[in-house]
Amino acid sequence: MKKMLCLTALVAFSLGQILTAQAADVSFSVGQTSESTMTYRLGLQSNWDVSWWQTSVGRVTGYWDAGYTFWEGDNTSSNHSLSFAPVFVYEFAGESVKPYIEVGIGVAAFANTELGSNQLGSSFQFEDRVGFGLRFTGGHEVGIRAIHYSNAGLQSPNDGLESYALHYRMAL
């Protein structure tokens, strides 16, 4: 529990720094694990306001992502997690709609080390993600995302788990 409180404080501090520096976006997602556990996520994102390799086809950019996820299960297998990740985005050129693909690697902290039949081994997990979607003028976005959680063998057992989700993001 101490680890979760420390991570919560770190994420809150980081979010405070991000939000004071620039406007943030909010996202909502609903998904499912490969074991049919439902996931519900609320996130805050802050764009980097920088581009690399910008061409007529598209550009590379990114954002900071912080999120809270509720992992629905029966009374003994529900879980909660906090996560924080830098996410790189390749955004294709477009006028009113811009397709994109994204990848990111971050960290997460789970309230407990069990989720259904999965034994995570530790509350600390790495969060790897890949996704794609569409960005619309006016600050709206819809997409599909796959996120893998694992402690990278730092603790045993290391069952890991995946969440596959639909998400919606809007500018605040």
N, C-alpha and C. Protein backbone atom coordinates (compact mmCIF):
# COMPACT_ATOMS: atom_id res chain seq x y z
N MET A 1 0.82 -1.19 0.00
CA MET A 1 0.00 0.00 0.00
C MET A 1 0.86 1.26 0.00
N LYS A 2 2.02 1.21 0.71
CA LYS A 2 2.93 2.36 0.72
C LYS A 2 3.41 2.68 -0.69
N LYS A 3 3.70 1.61 -1.46
CA LYS A 3 4.16 1.82 -2.83
C LYS A 3 3.10 2.53 -3.65
N MET A 4 1.84 2.12 -3.48
CA MET A 4 0.74 2.72 -4.22
C MET A 4 0.58 4.20 -3.85
N LEU A 5 0.72 4.53 -2.57
CA LEU A 5 0.62 5.92 -2.13
C LEU A 5 1.76 6.76 -2.69
N CYS A 6 2.97 6.20 -2.70
CA CYS A 6 4.12 6.92 -3.26
C CYS A 6 3.93 7.17 -4.75
N LEU A 7 3.47 6.13 -5.47
CA LEU A 7 3.25 6.31 -6.90
C LEU A 7 2.13 7.31 -7.15
N THR A 8 1.07 7.26 -6.34
CA THR A 8 -0.02 8.22 -6.48
C THR A 8 0.49 9.64 -6.30
N ALA A 9 1.31 9.85 -5.30
CA ALA A 9 1.87 11.18 -5.05
C ALA A 9 2.75 11.62 -6.22
N LEU A 10 3.56 10.71 -6.75
CA LEU A 10 4.42 11.03 -7.89
C LEU A 10 3.60 11.39 -9.12
N VAL A 11 2.57 10.60 -9.41
CA VAL A 11 1.71 10.88 -10.56
C VAL A 11 0.99 12.21 -10.37
N ALA A 12 0.46 12.46 -9.16
CA ALA A 12 -0.24 13.71 -8.90
C ALA A 12 0.69 14.91 -9.08
N PHE A 13 1.92 14.80 -8.57
CA PHE A 13 2.90 15.88 -8.73
C PHE A 13 3.20 16.10 -10.21
N SER A 14 3.43 15.01 -10.94
CA SER A 14 3.74 15.11 -12.37
C SER A 14 2.58 15.73 -13.13
N LEU A 15 1.37 15.29 -12.82
CA LEU A 15 0.20 15.87 -13.49
C LEU A 15 0.08 17.35 -13.18
N GLY A 16 0.33 17.72 -11.95
CA GLY A 16 0.28 19.14 -11.59
C GLY A 16 1.27 19.96 -12.40
N GLN A 17 2.48 19.44 -12.57
CA GLN A 17 3.49 20.13 -13.37
C GLN A 17 3.06 20.24 -14.83
N ILE A 18 2.50 19.15 -15.36
CA ILE A 18 2.06 19.14 -16.76
C ILE A 18 0.91 20.12 -16.96
N LEU A 19 -0.08 20.07 -16.07
CA LEU A 19 -1.27 20.89 -16.24
C LEU A 19 -0.98 22.36 -16.07
N THR A 20 -0.01 22.73 -15.23
CA THR A 20 0.32 24.13 -15.10
C THR A 20 1.11 24.63 -16.30
N ALA A 21 1.79 23.74 -16.99
CA ALA A 21 2.59 24.12 -18.15
C ALA A 21 1.73 24.30 -19.40
N GLN A 22 0.68 23.49 -19.56
CA GLN A 22 -0.14 23.58 -20.76
C GLN A 22 -1.46 22.85 -20.53
N ALA A 23 -2.38 23.05 -21.46
CA ALA A 23 -3.70 22.42 -21.36
C ALA A 23 -3.58 20.91 -21.51
N ALA A 24 -4.49 20.21 -20.87
CA ALA A 24 -4.50 18.76 -20.93
C ALA A 24 -5.76 18.28 -21.64
N ASP A 25 -5.70 17.05 -22.12
CA ASP A 25 -6.85 16.37 -22.70
C ASP A 25 -7.29 15.30 -21.72
N VAL A 26 -8.52 14.87 -21.84
CA VAL A 26 -9.03 13.79 -21.01
C VAL A 26 -9.49 12.66 -21.93
N SER A 27 -9.28 11.42 -21.49
CA SER A 27 -9.70 10.27 -22.29
C SER A 27 -10.46 9.28 -21.43
N PHE A 28 -11.35 8.55 -22.09
CA PHE A 28 -12.14 7.50 -21.47
C PHE A 28 -11.99 6.27 -22.34
N SER A 29 -11.83 5.12 -21.73
CA SER A 29 -11.78 3.89 -22.53
C SER A 29 -12.46 2.76 -21.80
N VAL A 30 -12.93 1.83 -22.58
CA VAL A 30 -13.52 0.61 -22.06
C VAL A 30 -12.92 -0.54 -22.86
N GLY A 31 -12.54 -1.59 -22.15
CA GLY A 31 -11.89 -2.70 -22.83
C GLY A 31 -12.09 -4.00 -22.09
N GLN A 32 -11.31 -4.97 -22.53
CA GLN A 32 -11.40 -6.31 -21.97
C GLN A 32 -10.03 -6.96 -22.05
N THR A 33 -9.74 -7.80 -21.04
CA THR A 33 -8.49 -8.55 -21.07
C THR A 33 -8.70 -9.83 -21.86
N SER A 34 -7.62 -10.56 -22.10
CA SER A 34 -7.73 -11.83 -22.80
C SER A 34 -8.46 -12.87 -21.96
N GLU A 35 -8.61 -12.61 -20.64
CA GLU A 35 -9.37 -13.50 -19.75
C GLU A 35 -10.78 -12.98 -19.52
N SER A 36 -11.23 -12.02 -20.33
CA SER A 36 -12.59 -11.46 -20.29
C SER A 36 -12.88 -10.57 -19.09
N THR A 37 -11.87 -10.05 -18.43
CA THR A 37 -12.07 -9.07 -17.37
C THR A 37 -12.30 -7.71 -18.04
N MET A 38 -13.35 -7.01 -17.65
CA MET A 38 -13.62 -5.69 -18.21
C MET A 38 -12.68 -4.65 -17.58
N THR A 39 -12.26 -3.68 -18.38
CA THR A 39 -11.42 -2.58 -17.91
C THR A 39 -12.07 -1.25 -18.24
N TYR A 40 -11.96 -0.31 -17.30
CA TYR A 40 -12.50 1.03 -17.48
C TYR A 40 -11.39 2.00 -17.09
N ARG A 41 -11.03 2.90 -18.01
CA ARG A 41 -9.87 3.76 -17.79
C ARG A 41 -10.24 5.22 -17.98
N LEU A 42 -9.73 6.06 -17.08
CA LEU A 42 -9.83 7.50 -17.18
C LEU A 42 -8.40 8.03 -17.25
N GLY A 43 -8.11 8.85 -18.26
CA GLY A 43 -6.75 9.33 -18.43
C GLY A 43 -6.65 10.81 -18.67
N LEU A 44 -5.48 11.37 -18.40
CA LEU A 44 -5.14 12.75 -18.73
C LEU A 44 -3.92 12.72 -19.63
N GLN A 45 -3.97 13.51 -20.69
CA GLN A 45 -2.87 13.55 -21.64
C GLN A 45 -2.41 15.00 -21.82
N SER A 46 -1.12 15.16 -22.05
CA SER A 46 -0.54 16.47 -22.33
C SER A 46 0.39 16.33 -23.53
N ASN A 47 0.02 17.01 -24.63
CA ASN A 47 0.81 16.93 -25.85
C ASN A 47 2.17 17.59 -25.67
N TRP A 48 3.17 17.10 -26.39
CA TRP A 48 4.53 17.60 -26.26
C TRP A 48 4.76 18.91 -27.02
N ASP A 49 3.90 19.27 -27.94
CA ASP A 49 4.07 20.49 -28.74
C ASP A 49 5.39 20.53 -29.49
N VAL A 50 5.82 19.37 -29.97
CA VAL A 50 7.04 19.27 -30.78
C VAL A 50 6.80 18.21 -31.85
N SER A 51 7.41 18.41 -33.02
CA SER A 51 7.29 17.45 -34.12
C SER A 51 8.66 17.09 -34.64
N TRP A 52 8.80 15.84 -35.09
CA TRP A 52 10.02 15.38 -35.74
C TRP A 52 9.65 14.79 -37.09
N TRP A 53 10.57 14.81 -38.00
CA TRP A 53 10.43 14.20 -39.32
C TRP A 53 9.11 14.57 -39.99
N GLN A 54 8.78 15.84 -39.94
CA GLN A 54 7.54 16.30 -40.56
C GLN A 54 7.70 16.35 -42.07
N THR A 55 6.81 15.66 -42.78
CA THR A 55 6.79 15.63 -44.25
C THR A 55 5.36 15.86 -44.71
N SER A 56 5.16 15.77 -46.01
CA SER A 56 3.80 15.90 -46.55
C SER A 56 2.94 14.68 -46.19
N VAL A 57 3.57 13.58 -45.78
CA VAL A 57 2.82 12.36 -45.41
C VAL A 57 2.36 12.43 -43.96
N GLY A 58 3.17 13.01 -43.07
CA GLY A 58 2.80 13.07 -41.65
C GLY A 58 3.96 13.55 -40.80
N ARG A 59 3.85 13.28 -39.50
CA ARG A 59 4.87 13.73 -38.56
C ARG A 59 4.90 12.82 -37.34
N VAL A 60 6.02 12.85 -36.63
CA VAL A 60 6.14 12.16 -35.35
C VAL A 60 5.97 13.20 -34.25
N THR A 61 5.14 12.89 -33.29
CA THR A 61 4.92 13.75 -32.13
C THR A 61 4.67 12.85 -30.93
N GLY A 62 4.09 13.37 -29.87
CA GLY A 62 3.82 12.53 -28.71
C GLY A 62 3.10 13.26 -27.61
N TYR A 63 2.90 12.53 -26.52
CA TYR A 63 2.21 13.10 -25.36
C TYR A 63 2.55 12.30 -24.11
N TRP A 64 2.35 12.94 -22.96
CA TRP A 64 2.44 12.28 -21.66
C TRP A 64 1.05 11.74 -21.34
N ASP A 65 0.97 10.55 -20.81
CA ASP A 65 -0.31 9.94 -20.47
C ASP A 65 -0.29 9.45 -19.03
N ALA A 66 -1.26 9.87 -18.25
CA ALA A 66 -1.44 9.37 -16.87
C ALA A 66 -2.85 8.83 -16.78
N GLY A 67 -3.01 7.67 -16.15
CA GLY A 67 -4.34 7.10 -16.10
C GLY A 67 -4.64 6.30 -14.85
N TYR A 68 -5.93 6.19 -14.60
CA TYR A 68 -6.47 5.32 -13.56
C TYR A 68 -7.32 4.27 -14.26
N THR A 69 -7.09 2.99 -13.96
CA THR A 69 -7.85 1.90 -14.55
C THR A 69 -8.50 1.07 -13.46
N PHE A 70 -9.78 0.79 -13.66
CA PHE A 70 -10.49 -0.15 -12.80
C PHE A 70 -10.62 -1.45 -13.56
N TRP A 71 -10.16 -2.53 -12.96
CA TRP A 71 -10.20 -3.86 -13.55
C TRP A 71 -11.34 -4.61 -12.87
N GLU A 72 -12.46 -4.77 -13.56
CA GLU A 72 -13.65 -5.36 -12.97
C GLU A 72 -13.51 -6.87 -12.84
N GLY A 73 -13.88 -7.38 -11.69
CA GLY A 73 -13.86 -8.81 -11.45
C GLY A 73 -14.87 -9.13 -10.37
N ASP A 74 -14.89 -10.36 -9.92
CA ASP A 74 -15.77 -10.66 -8.80
C ASP A 74 -15.19 -10.01 -7.54
N ASN A 75 -15.81 -10.21 -6.40
CA ASN A 75 -15.41 -9.51 -5.17
C ASN A 75 -13.95 -9.70 -4.81
N THR A 76 -13.35 -10.82 -5.19
CA THR A 76 -11.97 -11.08 -4.81
C THR A 76 -10.96 -10.78 -5.91
N SER A 77 -11.42 -10.48 -7.12
CA SER A 77 -10.45 -10.32 -8.20
C SER A 77 -10.48 -8.96 -8.87
N SER A 78 -11.25 -7.99 -8.38
CA SER A 78 -11.19 -6.64 -8.93
C SER A 78 -9.85 -6.02 -8.56
N ASN A 79 -9.44 -5.03 -9.34
CA ASN A 79 -8.16 -4.38 -9.08
C ASN A 79 -8.24 -2.95 -9.56
N HIS A 80 -7.26 -2.14 -9.17
CA HIS A 80 -7.13 -0.76 -9.58
C HIS A 80 -5.67 -0.54 -9.95
N SER A 81 -5.43 0.33 -10.92
CA SER A 81 -4.03 0.65 -11.24
C SER A 81 -3.90 2.12 -11.63
N LEU A 82 -2.73 2.66 -11.38
CA LEU A 82 -2.33 3.98 -11.82
C LEU A 82 -1.16 3.80 -12.78
N SER A 83 -1.15 4.60 -13.85
CA SER A 83 -0.07 4.44 -14.83
C SER A 83 0.40 5.80 -15.33
N PHE A 84 1.63 5.80 -15.84
CA PHE A 84 2.22 7.01 -16.41
C PHE A 84 3.16 6.58 -17.53
N ALA A 85 3.01 7.21 -18.71
CA ALA A 85 3.82 6.79 -19.86
C ALA A 85 4.04 7.93 -20.85
N PRO A 86 5.23 7.99 -21.44
CA PRO A 86 5.42 8.81 -22.64
C PRO A 86 4.94 7.98 -23.83
N VAL A 87 4.23 8.63 -24.75
CA VAL A 87 3.67 7.92 -25.91
C VAL A 87 4.11 8.65 -27.17
N PHE A 88 4.72 7.92 -28.11
CA PHE A 88 5.12 8.47 -29.40
C PHE A 88 4.01 8.20 -30.41
N VAL A 89 3.72 9.19 -31.26
CA VAL A 89 2.62 9.11 -32.21
C VAL A 89 3.15 9.46 -33.59
N TYR A 90 2.78 8.62 -34.58
CA TYR A 90 2.96 9.02 -35.98
C TYR A 90 1.59 9.44 -36.47
N GLU A 91 1.45 10.73 -36.76
CA GLU A 91 0.18 11.30 -37.20
C GLU A 91 0.26 11.57 -38.70
N PHE A 92 -0.61 10.92 -39.45
CA PHE A 92 -0.65 11.12 -40.89
C PHE A 92 -1.28 12.46 -41.21
N ALA A 93 -0.86 13.07 -42.32
CA ALA A 93 -1.39 14.37 -42.72
C ALA A 93 -2.86 14.25 -43.09
N GLY A 94 -3.59 15.31 -42.87
CA GLY A 94 -5.00 15.35 -43.22
C GLY A 94 -5.58 16.71 -42.86
N GLU A 95 -6.71 17.01 -43.46
CA GLU A 95 -7.37 18.29 -43.18
C GLU A 95 -8.23 18.19 -41.93
N SER A 96 -9.36 17.49 -42.01
CA SER A 96 -10.28 17.42 -40.87
C SER A 96 -10.13 16.12 -40.09
N VAL A 97 -9.51 15.09 -40.70
CA VAL A 97 -9.29 13.80 -40.03
C VAL A 97 -7.83 13.41 -40.23
N LYS A 98 -7.16 13.04 -39.13
CA LYS A 98 -5.76 12.62 -39.21
C LYS A 98 -5.63 11.23 -38.59
N PRO A 99 -5.42 10.20 -39.39
CA PRO A 99 -5.16 8.87 -38.82
C PRO A 99 -3.81 8.89 -38.09
N TYR A 100 -3.66 8.01 -37.10
CA TYR A 100 -2.41 7.95 -36.35
C TYR A 100 -2.15 6.53 -35.86
N ILE A 101 -0.88 6.27 -35.56
CA ILE A 101 -0.48 5.06 -34.84
C ILE A 101 0.36 5.53 -33.65
N GLU A 102 0.31 4.77 -32.55
CA GLU A 102 1.04 5.17 -31.36
C GLU A 102 1.70 3.98 -30.70
N VAL A 103 2.83 4.26 -30.02
CA VAL A 103 3.53 3.26 -29.21
C VAL A 103 4.06 3.97 -27.96
N GLY A 104 4.11 3.24 -26.86
CA GLY A 104 4.62 3.82 -25.63
C GLY A 104 5.04 2.76 -24.64
N ILE A 105 5.93 3.13 -23.76
CA ILE A 105 6.36 2.26 -22.66
C ILE A 105 6.38 3.12 -21.41
N GLY A 106 5.64 2.66 -20.39
CA GLY A 106 5.58 3.41 -19.15
C GLY A 106 5.59 2.49 -17.95
N VAL A 107 5.10 2.98 -16.84
CA VAL A 107 5.05 2.21 -15.60
C VAL A 107 3.63 2.27 -15.04
N ALA A 108 3.30 1.25 -14.25
CA ALA A 108 1.99 1.18 -13.60
C ALA A 108 2.16 0.58 -12.22
N ALA A 109 1.24 0.93 -11.34
CA ALA A 109 1.20 0.34 -10.00
C ALA A 109 -0.21 -0.20 -9.77
N PHE A 110 -0.30 -1.47 -9.40
CA PHE A 110 -1.58 -2.13 -9.14
C PHE A 110 -1.83 -2.16 -7.64
N ALA A 111 -3.10 -2.11 -7.26
CA ALA A 111 -3.47 -2.15 -5.84
C ALA A 111 -3.10 -3.48 -5.21
N ASN A 112 -3.23 -4.59 -5.97
CA ASN A 112 -2.79 -5.89 -5.48
C ASN A 112 -2.21 -6.69 -6.63
N THR A 113 -1.59 -7.81 -6.32
CA THR A 113 -0.82 -8.55 -7.32
C THR A 113 -1.61 -9.67 -7.99
N GLU A 114 -2.92 -9.73 -7.76
CA GLU A 114 -3.75 -10.74 -8.41
C GLU A 114 -4.82 -10.06 -9.24
N LEU A 115 -5.09 -10.61 -10.40
CA LEU A 115 -6.20 -10.16 -11.23
C LEU A 115 -6.78 -11.39 -11.89
N GLY A 116 -7.90 -11.85 -11.38
CA GLY A 116 -8.47 -13.10 -11.86
C GLY A 116 -7.50 -14.23 -11.59
N SER A 117 -7.15 -14.96 -12.65
CA SER A 117 -6.20 -16.07 -12.49
C SER A 117 -4.75 -15.63 -12.70
N ASN A 118 -4.53 -14.37 -12.99
CA ASN A 118 -3.17 -13.86 -13.24
C ASN A 118 -2.49 -13.48 -11.93
N GLN A 119 -1.27 -13.96 -11.76
CA GLN A 119 -0.42 -13.60 -10.63
C GLN A 119 0.65 -12.65 -11.17
N LEU A 120 0.55 -11.37 -10.81
CA LEU A 120 1.44 -10.36 -11.37
C LEU A 120 2.83 -10.37 -10.75
N GLY A 121 2.97 -10.91 -9.54
CA GLY A 121 4.27 -10.99 -8.89
C GLY A 121 4.64 -9.77 -8.10
N SER A 122 4.24 -8.59 -8.56
CA SER A 122 4.50 -7.35 -7.83
C SER A 122 3.47 -6.32 -8.24
N SER A 123 3.31 -5.30 -7.42
CA SER A 123 2.40 -4.21 -7.77
C SER A 123 2.99 -3.36 -8.90
N PHE A 124 4.31 -3.26 -8.96
CA PHE A 124 4.99 -2.50 -10.01
C PHE A 124 4.96 -3.28 -11.32
N GLN A 125 4.50 -2.64 -12.38
CA GLN A 125 4.44 -3.26 -13.70
C GLN A 125 4.92 -2.26 -14.75
N PHE A 126 5.48 -2.79 -15.83
CA PHE A 126 5.74 -1.97 -17.00
C PHE A 126 4.49 -2.01 -17.87
N GLU A 127 4.24 -0.91 -18.57
CA GLU A 127 3.06 -0.80 -19.43
C GLU A 127 3.53 -0.53 -20.86
N ASP A 128 3.34 -1.50 -21.74
CA ASP A 128 3.69 -1.36 -23.16
C ASP A 128 2.40 -1.21 -23.94
N ARG A 129 2.36 -0.26 -24.87
CA ARG A 129 1.13 -0.05 -25.62
C ARG A 129 1.39 0.16 -27.09
N VAL A 130 0.38 -0.20 -27.88
CA VAL A 130 0.33 0.08 -29.30
C VAL A 130 -1.13 0.37 -29.63
N GLY A 131 -1.35 1.34 -30.51
CA GLY A 131 -2.72 1.70 -30.85
C GLY A 131 -2.79 2.43 -32.17
N PHE A 132 -4.00 2.62 -32.63
CA PHE A 132 -4.24 3.43 -33.81
C PHE A 132 -5.62 4.04 -33.72
N GLY A 133 -5.83 5.10 -34.50
CA GLY A 133 -7.12 5.75 -34.44
C GLY A 133 -7.20 6.94 -35.37
N LEU A 134 -8.17 7.80 -35.10
CA LEU A 134 -8.44 8.98 -35.91
C LEU A 134 -8.54 10.21 -35.01
N ARG A 135 -7.87 11.29 -35.42
CA ARG A 135 -7.97 12.58 -34.74
C ARG A 135 -8.79 13.51 -35.62
N PHE A 136 -9.74 14.20 -35.01
CA PHE A 136 -10.63 15.09 -35.73
C PHE A 136 -10.35 16.54 -35.34
N THR A 137 -10.64 17.47 -36.26
CA THR A 137 -10.51 18.88 -35.90
C THR A 137 -11.48 19.15 -34.76
N GLY A 138 -11.12 20.06 -33.91
CA GLY A 138 -11.95 20.34 -32.74
C GLY A 138 -11.47 19.61 -31.51
N GLY A 139 -10.40 18.80 -31.63
CA GLY A 139 -9.81 18.17 -30.46
C GLY A 139 -10.41 16.85 -30.03
N HIS A 140 -11.07 16.13 -30.93
CA HIS A 140 -11.64 14.83 -30.59
C HIS A 140 -10.82 13.72 -31.24
N GLU A 141 -10.82 12.56 -30.59
CA GLU A 141 -10.05 11.40 -31.08
C GLU A 141 -10.77 10.12 -30.67
N VAL A 142 -10.77 9.14 -31.57
CA VAL A 142 -11.25 7.80 -31.24
C VAL A 142 -10.19 6.81 -31.71
N GLY A 143 -10.08 5.69 -30.99
CA GLY A 143 -9.06 4.73 -31.38
C GLY A 143 -9.20 3.41 -30.66
N ILE A 144 -8.31 2.51 -31.05
CA ILE A 144 -8.22 1.18 -30.46
C ILE A 144 -6.80 1.03 -29.93
N ARG A 145 -6.69 0.41 -28.75
CA ARG A 145 -5.39 0.32 -28.11
C ARG A 145 -5.23 -1.05 -27.45
N ALA A 146 -4.02 -1.60 -27.53
CA ALA A 146 -3.66 -2.82 -26.81
C ALA A 146 -2.55 -2.43 -25.83
N ILE A 147 -2.73 -2.80 -24.55
CA ILE A 147 -1.75 -2.49 -23.53
C ILE A 147 -1.35 -3.78 -22.82
N HIS A 148 -0.05 -4.01 -22.72
CA HIS A 148 0.48 -5.20 -22.03
C HIS A 148 1.14 -4.76 -20.73
N TYR A 149 0.84 -5.47 -19.65
CA TYR A 149 1.44 -5.21 -18.35
C TYR A 149 2.29 -6.40 -17.94
N SER A 150 3.50 -6.13 -17.46
CA SER A 150 4.41 -7.18 -17.02
C SER A 150 5.45 -6.55 -16.10
N ASN A 151 5.97 -7.35 -15.17
CA ASN A 151 7.04 -6.82 -14.32
C ASN A 151 8.42 -7.14 -14.90
N ALA A 152 8.46 -7.62 -16.14
CA ALA A 152 9.71 -7.90 -16.87
C ALA A 152 10.60 -8.90 -16.15
N GLY A 153 10.00 -9.80 -15.39
CA GLY A 153 10.77 -10.82 -14.70
C GLY A 153 11.48 -10.34 -13.45
N LEU A 154 11.18 -9.14 -12.98
CA LEU A 154 11.81 -8.63 -11.76
C LEU A 154 11.32 -9.39 -10.53
N GLN A 155 10.10 -9.89 -10.57
CA GLN A 155 9.52 -10.68 -9.49
C GLN A 155 8.87 -11.92 -10.10
N SER A 156 8.73 -12.93 -9.29
CA SER A 156 8.09 -14.15 -9.76
C SER A 156 6.86 -14.40 -8.90
N PRO A 157 5.74 -14.82 -9.46
CA PRO A 157 5.49 -15.10 -10.87
C PRO A 157 5.33 -13.81 -11.67
N ASN A 158 5.35 -13.95 -12.98
CA ASN A 158 5.22 -12.81 -13.88
C ASN A 158 4.24 -13.18 -14.99
N ASP A 159 2.98 -13.45 -14.62
CA ASP A 159 1.99 -13.85 -15.62
C ASP A 159 1.74 -12.76 -16.65
N GLY A 160 1.74 -11.50 -16.23
CA GLY A 160 1.43 -10.42 -17.15
C GLY A 160 0.00 -10.49 -17.63
N LEU A 161 -0.46 -9.43 -18.29
CA LEU A 161 -1.80 -9.42 -18.85
C LEU A 161 -1.91 -8.34 -19.90
N GLU A 162 -2.93 -8.47 -20.73
CA GLU A 162 -3.18 -7.51 -21.80
C GLU A 162 -4.59 -6.97 -21.65
N SER A 163 -4.77 -5.72 -22.07
CA SER A 163 -6.08 -5.10 -22.15
C SER A 163 -6.24 -4.55 -23.56
N TYR A 164 -7.37 -4.83 -24.18
CA TYR A 164 -7.70 -4.35 -25.52
C TYR A 164 -8.88 -3.42 -25.36
N ALA A 165 -8.74 -2.16 -25.78
CA ALA A 165 -9.76 -1.17 -25.45
C ALA A 165 -10.07 -0.22 -26.60
N LEU A 166 -11.29 0.30 -26.57
CA LEU A 166 -11.72 1.41 -27.41
C LEU A 166 -11.59 2.66 -26.55
N HIS A 167 -11.09 3.76 -27.14
CA HIS A 167 -10.97 4.97 -26.34
C HIS A 167 -11.47 6.19 -27.10
N TYR A 168 -11.83 7.17 -26.31
CA TYR A 168 -12.27 8.48 -26.81
C TYR A 168 -11.49 9.53 -26.04
N ARG A 169 -10.95 10.51 -26.75
CA ARG A 169 -10.15 11.57 -26.15
C ARG A 169 -10.68 12.91 -26.61
N MET A 170 -10.75 13.86 -25.69
CA MET A 170 -11.20 15.20 -26.06
C MET A 170 -10.34 16.26 -25.38
N ALA A 171 -10.19 17.37 -26.08
CA ALA A 171 -9.41 18.48 -25.53
C ALA A 171 -10.25 19.22 -24.50
N LEU A 172 -9.60 19.64 -23.43
CA LEU A 172 -10.31 20.43 -22.40
C LEU A 172 -10.18 21.90 -22.67
